Protein backbone atom coordinates (compact mmCIF):
# COMPACT_ATOMS: atom_id res chain seq x y z
CA UNK A 1 43.81 -135.67 152.63
CA UNK A 2 44.30 -131.94 151.76
CA UNK A 3 42.47 -130.19 149.02
CA UNK A 4 44.83 -127.29 147.91
CA UNK A 5 44.63 -124.12 145.74
CA UNK A 6 48.00 -122.51 145.11
CA UNK A 7 48.19 -119.13 143.65
CA UNK A 8 45.24 -119.62 141.86
CA UNK A 9 44.97 -116.20 139.58
CA UNK A 10 42.20 -116.37 136.00
CA UNK A 11 41.28 -114.13 133.50
CA UNK A 12 38.15 -114.18 131.15
CA UNK A 13 40.07 -111.01 129.30
CA UNK A 14 43.17 -109.14 129.49
CA UNK A 15 40.58 -106.34 131.02
CA UNK A 16 39.79 -107.77 133.45
CA UNK A 17 41.18 -110.30 136.21
CA UNK A 18 39.22 -112.10 138.19
CA UNK A 19 41.02 -113.79 140.69
CA UNK A 20 44.70 -113.12 141.10
CA UNK A 21 46.97 -115.30 144.07
CA UNK A 22 44.52 -117.33 145.52
CA UNK A 23 45.41 -119.80 148.33
CA UNK A 24 43.00 -122.44 150.45
CA UNK A 25 43.45 -125.28 152.02
CA UNK A 26 40.78 -127.88 152.45
CA UNK A 27 41.12 -131.74 154.79
CA UNK A 28 38.68 -134.32 154.29
CA UNK A 29 37.77 -134.21 157.59
CA UNK A 30 36.74 -129.95 157.72
CA UNK A 31 33.75 -127.88 156.42
CA UNK A 32 35.33 -124.72 155.48
CA UNK A 33 32.92 -121.96 154.60
CA UNK A 34 33.51 -119.27 151.69
CA UNK A 35 31.62 -116.01 151.75
CA UNK A 36 32.31 -113.27 149.36
CA UNK A 37 30.58 -110.87 147.35
CA UNK A 38 28.29 -111.40 143.92
CA UNK A 39 30.59 -111.19 141.09
CA UNK A 40 33.60 -111.49 143.05
CA UNK A 41 34.99 -114.51 141.45
CA UNK A 42 33.64 -117.12 144.34
CA UNK A 43 32.11 -119.45 141.42
CA UNK A 44 34.94 -118.98 139.37
CA UNK A 45 37.25 -120.34 141.61
CA UNK A 46 34.55 -123.43 142.34
CA UNK A 47 34.91 -124.65 138.84
CA UNK A 48 38.89 -124.29 138.48
CA UNK A 49 38.93 -126.42 141.97
CA UNK A 50 36.43 -129.03 140.31
CA UNK A 51 37.94 -129.08 137.26
CA UNK A 52 35.63 -127.51 135.17
CA UNK A 53 37.87 -124.93 134.15
CA UNK A 54 41.50 -125.26 133.28
CA UNK A 55 43.14 -122.89 131.96
CA UNK A 56 44.27 -120.74 134.60
CA UNK A 57 47.60 -119.59 136.64
CA UNK A 58 48.70 -121.32 139.62
CA UNK A 59 47.92 -124.92 140.58
CA UNK A 60 45.27 -127.33 142.35
CA UNK A 61 46.71 -130.65 143.96
CA UNK A 62 45.26 -133.00 146.12
CA UNK A 63 48.40 -134.08 149.26
CA UNK A 64 50.16 -132.24 146.53
CA UNK A 65 49.69 -133.73 143.81
CA UNK A 66 47.95 -132.59 140.42
CA UNK A 67 45.00 -134.18 139.96
CA UNK A 68 45.11 -136.08 136.63
CA UNK A 69 42.36 -135.40 134.29
CA UNK A 70 40.78 -138.56 133.53
CA UNK A 71 38.50 -140.92 134.70
CA UNK A 72 36.48 -139.91 137.74
CA UNK A 73 37.40 -135.93 139.20
CA UNK A 74 37.71 -136.63 143.26
CA UNK A 75 36.48 -132.88 143.55
CA UNK A 76 32.84 -132.75 142.83
CA UNK A 77 30.70 -129.50 142.19
CA UNK A 78 26.93 -129.33 143.33
CA UNK A 79 25.87 -126.14 141.41
CA UNK A 80 22.81 -123.59 142.79
CA UNK A 81 20.66 -124.31 140.21
CA UNK A 82 20.50 -128.13 139.78
CA UNK A 83 18.60 -127.85 136.33
CA UNK A 84 20.99 -126.04 134.13
CA UNK A 85 23.59 -129.47 134.93
CA UNK A 86 20.37 -132.01 133.64
CA UNK A 87 19.89 -133.06 130.73
CA UNK A 88 16.56 -132.35 129.51
CA UNK A 89 16.11 -135.27 127.52
CA UNK A 90 16.42 -137.28 129.39
CA UNK A 91 14.79 -139.16 132.89
CA UNK A 92 16.17 -139.00 136.16
CA UNK A 93 17.06 -142.44 136.30
CA UNK A 94 19.58 -141.87 133.63
CA UNK A 95 20.45 -138.25 134.79
CA UNK A 96 21.76 -139.67 138.76
CA UNK A 97 23.08 -143.11 137.34
CA UNK A 98 25.14 -141.28 134.47
CA UNK A 99 27.74 -140.66 137.75
CA UNK A 100 26.89 -143.87 139.60
CA UNK A 101 23.92 -146.06 141.28
CA UNK A 102 23.32 -144.80 145.08
CA UNK A 103 21.88 -147.74 146.95
CA UNK A 104 18.49 -147.38 148.19
CA UNK A 105 19.44 -146.26 152.13
CA UNK A 106 21.63 -143.82 150.59
CA UNK A 107 18.77 -142.57 148.25
CA UNK A 108 15.61 -142.68 151.58
CA UNK A 109 18.62 -140.30 153.57
CA UNK A 110 18.05 -137.38 150.78
CA UNK A 111 14.53 -137.87 150.35
CA UNK A 112 14.61 -139.23 147.04
CA UNK A 113 10.95 -141.13 146.21
CA UNK A 114 11.72 -143.55 143.52
CA UNK A 115 8.41 -142.06 141.33
CA UNK A 116 11.04 -139.40 140.70
CA UNK A 117 12.92 -141.79 138.75
CA UNK A 118 10.49 -142.10 135.94
CA UNK A 119 10.20 -137.99 135.83
CA UNK A 120 11.92 -135.71 133.13
CA UNK A 121 13.67 -132.46 134.95
CA UNK A 122 11.03 -130.00 134.13
CA UNK A 123 8.57 -132.49 136.05
CA UNK A 124 10.39 -131.64 139.52
CA UNK A 125 10.77 -128.95 142.23
CA UNK A 126 14.06 -127.29 142.20
CA UNK A 127 14.55 -129.02 145.63
CA UNK A 128 13.69 -132.39 144.61
CA UNK A 129 16.61 -131.93 141.75
CA UNK A 130 19.18 -130.31 144.07
CA UNK A 131 18.82 -133.98 145.54
CA UNK A 132 19.33 -135.57 142.56
CA UNK A 133 22.69 -133.26 142.15
CA UNK A 134 23.93 -134.14 145.49
CA UNK A 135 23.61 -137.73 144.63
CA UNK A 136 25.52 -137.79 141.78
CA UNK A 137 28.09 -135.60 143.86
CA UNK A 138 28.61 -138.34 146.16
CA UNK A 139 29.81 -141.11 144.40
CA UNK A 140 32.08 -143.19 145.85
CA UNK A 141 35.46 -142.25 144.61
CA UNK A 142 34.30 -138.15 145.63
CA UNK A 143 37.46 -136.49 147.76
CA UNK A 144 35.82 -133.33 148.57
CA UNK A 145 32.72 -131.59 147.79
CA UNK A 146 33.04 -127.74 146.51
CA UNK A 147 28.62 -126.50 147.13
CA UNK A 148 27.95 -123.36 145.57
CA UNK A 149 24.83 -121.24 147.05
CA UNK A 150 22.98 -124.96 147.14
CA UNK A 151 20.68 -124.22 148.97
CA UNK A 152 19.78 -120.47 148.16
CA UNK A 153 16.50 -120.95 145.93
CA UNK A 154 15.34 -123.60 149.04
CA UNK A 155 12.55 -123.31 151.68
CA UNK A 156 14.07 -123.61 154.93
CA UNK A 157 13.03 -126.96 155.87
CA UNK A 158 14.13 -128.42 152.78
CA UNK A 159 17.49 -126.66 153.56
CA UNK A 160 18.07 -128.24 156.90
CA UNK A 161 16.95 -131.60 155.38
CA UNK A 162 19.91 -131.39 152.66
CA UNK A 163 22.61 -129.96 154.38
CA UNK A 164 22.06 -132.27 157.57
CA UNK A 165 21.69 -135.64 155.14
CA UNK A 166 24.74 -133.51 152.91
CA UNK A 167 27.13 -133.12 156.48
CA UNK A 168 26.70 -136.66 157.74
CA UNK A 169 27.31 -138.58 154.75
CA UNK A 170 30.33 -136.66 154.02
CA UNK A 171 31.64 -136.97 157.46
CA UNK A 172 30.78 -140.87 157.87
CA UNK A 173 33.28 -141.18 154.33
CA UNK A 174 35.92 -138.68 155.15
CA UNK A 175 35.33 -136.21 152.64
CA UNK A 176 35.76 -132.36 152.70
CA UNK A 177 33.29 -129.91 152.14
CA UNK A 178 34.25 -126.02 151.03
CA UNK A 179 30.41 -124.18 151.68
CA UNK A 180 30.31 -121.39 149.62
CA UNK A 181 27.20 -118.74 150.44
CA UNK A 182 26.26 -115.43 150.77
CA UNK A 183 24.55 -116.17 154.28
CA UNK A 184 27.27 -115.67 157.35
CA UNK A 185 24.56 -117.45 159.65
CA UNK A 186 24.55 -120.52 157.85
CA UNK A 187 27.93 -121.14 157.20
CA UNK A 188 28.58 -120.13 160.85
CA UNK A 189 26.14 -122.77 162.21
CA UNK A 190 27.73 -125.43 158.97
CA UNK A 191 31.29 -124.30 159.44
CA UNK A 192 34.42 -125.49 160.90
CA UNK A 193 35.91 -122.44 159.71
CA UNK A 194 34.85 -119.13 157.22
CA UNK A 195 37.10 -117.29 155.01
CA UNK A 196 36.33 -114.49 153.34
CA UNK A 197 36.94 -114.54 149.85
CA UNK A 198 37.73 -110.69 149.21
CA UNK A 199 40.61 -112.05 151.84
CA UNK A 200 41.96 -114.49 149.93
CA UNK A 201 41.56 -112.70 146.32
CA UNK A 202 44.81 -110.30 146.18
CA UNK A 203 43.06 -108.12 143.90
């Protein structure tokens, strides 16, 4: 299975174009890294790939077909700041079950404690919230993960735990990963190949 971005272009306004003719391809058995400068448009591309931005030039396809807007979107985006993606008025069990109810063994794999499920988002740390974000994204219908700086705010031990669990699950379930980071050393360890954003964005 292949996720492809073909000649993606995007502007927030007429004065500044963020993306111009960006193309990339990701197979479901690959981990591809994407590295580039802050403010260069990487996060915008991530939102386009995952269906969060729908008005843009070019097309995003899976196996040559446009991705349907309805039902569950098979390209899931995990954000850098999980607290911004969660309803502060929901307890964590509702936050998680909005996507699906993961089995206990998968919760255990990501170090998610049962006691966290009855807490509010503001009662958990960034690392704890990120575990929920990742589990939400791993719905059985997910075919590709876009990981946008998901471990930047975490300590080194938590980074290793989260990446190891995510990669093992995705490899076992034939889910491709686009890992976006400023940390080239991290990407060198994780990825099959690394793309330089400034080289694929033809501004």
